Amino acid sequence: MADTEKILFGMVTSAGDVGRLVSRRRKAQGLTQADLAGLGQTGNRFIGELERGKGTVQFDKVLHVLKLLGLDVVVVERGS
């Protein structure tokens, strides 16, 4: 795959969407929640709350976990 080719995982409109995406990606990489928490230097509780879509998780930690899973956040203008 060329550097400019990216895979679109779907639109994110809620914390639940992010949680489902993180859970699927973690499992696809063969990681447990504890593995991901260790890699991200967070607690298991944080990963569990993130995957359950808790809306009050710390955004900077969410971005860090997404980066660890090889995911980027891109903001684009909505079409009319």
Protein backbone atom coordinates (compact mmCIF):
# COMPACT_ATOMS: atom_id res chain seq x y z
CA MET A 1 0.00 0.00 0.00
CA ALA A 2 1.38 3.42 -0.94
CA ASP A 3 1.96 5.99 1.78
CA THR A 4 -0.95 8.06 0.51
CA GLU A 5 -3.41 5.15 0.60
CA LYS A 6 -5.28 4.91 3.89
CA ILE A 7 -8.00 2.60 5.14
CA LEU A 8 -11.17 4.34 6.32
CA PHE A 9 -12.57 2.64 9.42
CA GLY A 10 -15.75 4.67 9.55
CA MET A 11 -17.25 7.89 10.80
CA VAL A 12 -16.94 8.66 14.49
CA THR A 13 -19.90 10.51 15.96
CA SER A 14 -19.73 9.42 19.60
CA ALA A 15 -17.46 8.12 22.33
CA GLY A 16 -19.10 4.73 21.74
CA ASP A 17 -17.89 4.73 18.13
CA VAL A 18 -14.32 5.34 19.29
CA GLY A 19 -14.64 2.61 21.89
CA ARG A 20 -15.86 0.05 19.37
CA LEU A 21 -13.06 1.01 16.97
CA VAL A 22 -10.41 0.65 19.70
CA SER A 23 -11.81 -2.69 20.80
CA ARG A 24 -11.89 -4.13 17.26
CA ARG A 25 -8.38 -2.88 16.47
CA ARG A 26 -6.95 -4.17 19.77
CA LYS A 27 -8.44 -7.62 19.22
CA ALA A 28 -7.26 -7.68 15.59
CA GLN A 29 -3.73 -7.07 16.88
CA GLY A 30 -4.06 -9.92 19.38
CA LEU A 31 -3.83 -7.64 22.42
CA THR A 32 -5.71 -7.91 25.69
CA GLN A 33 -6.98 -4.84 27.47
CA ALA A 34 -4.15 -5.36 29.98
CA ASP A 35 -1.59 -5.50 27.13
CA LEU A 36 -2.86 -2.23 25.70
CA ALA A 37 -2.96 -0.58 29.11
CA GLY A 38 0.67 -1.57 29.66
CA LEU A 39 1.78 -0.29 26.27
CA GLY A 40 -0.10 2.97 26.81
CA GLN A 41 1.05 3.33 30.39
CA THR A 42 -2.57 3.65 31.51
CA GLY A 43 -4.70 1.55 33.81
CA ASN A 44 -6.85 -1.39 32.76
CA ARG A 45 -9.85 0.61 33.99
CA PHE A 46 -9.13 3.40 31.50
CA ILE A 47 -9.00 0.96 28.56
CA GLY A 48 -12.24 -0.70 29.69
CA GLU A 49 -14.01 2.65 30.02
CA LEU A 50 -12.68 3.78 26.65
CA GLU A 51 -13.93 0.62 24.94
CA ARG A 52 -17.34 0.97 26.63
CA GLY A 53 -17.64 4.48 25.23
CA LYS A 54 -17.48 6.42 28.48
CA GLY A 55 -17.66 10.04 27.39
CA THR A 56 -15.54 11.46 30.17
CA VAL A 57 -12.23 9.74 29.40
CA GLN A 58 -9.22 12.02 28.93
CA PHE A 59 -8.92 12.97 25.29
CA ASP A 60 -5.12 13.09 25.28
CA LYS A 61 -5.00 9.51 26.56
CA VAL A 62 -7.49 8.46 23.86
CA LEU A 63 -5.25 9.97 21.18
CA HIS A 64 -2.24 8.17 22.66
CA VAL A 65 -4.04 4.80 22.59
CA LEU A 66 -5.17 5.37 18.99
CA LYS A 67 -1.57 6.17 18.02
CA LEU A 68 -0.35 2.96 19.68
CA LEU A 69 -2.88 1.02 17.61
CA GLY A 70 -1.60 2.65 14.42
CA LEU A 71 -4.63 4.91 13.97
CA ASP A 72 -4.77 8.63 13.19
CA VAL A 73 -7.56 11.09 13.82
CA VAL A 74 -8.47 13.21 10.80
CA VAL A 75 -11.04 15.99 10.86
CA VAL A 76 -12.73 16.83 7.56
CA GLU A 77 -15.47 19.24 6.60
CA ARG A 78 -18.86 17.59 6.33
CA GLY A 79 -20.43 17.53 2.90
CA SER A 80 -23.71 19.37 2.36
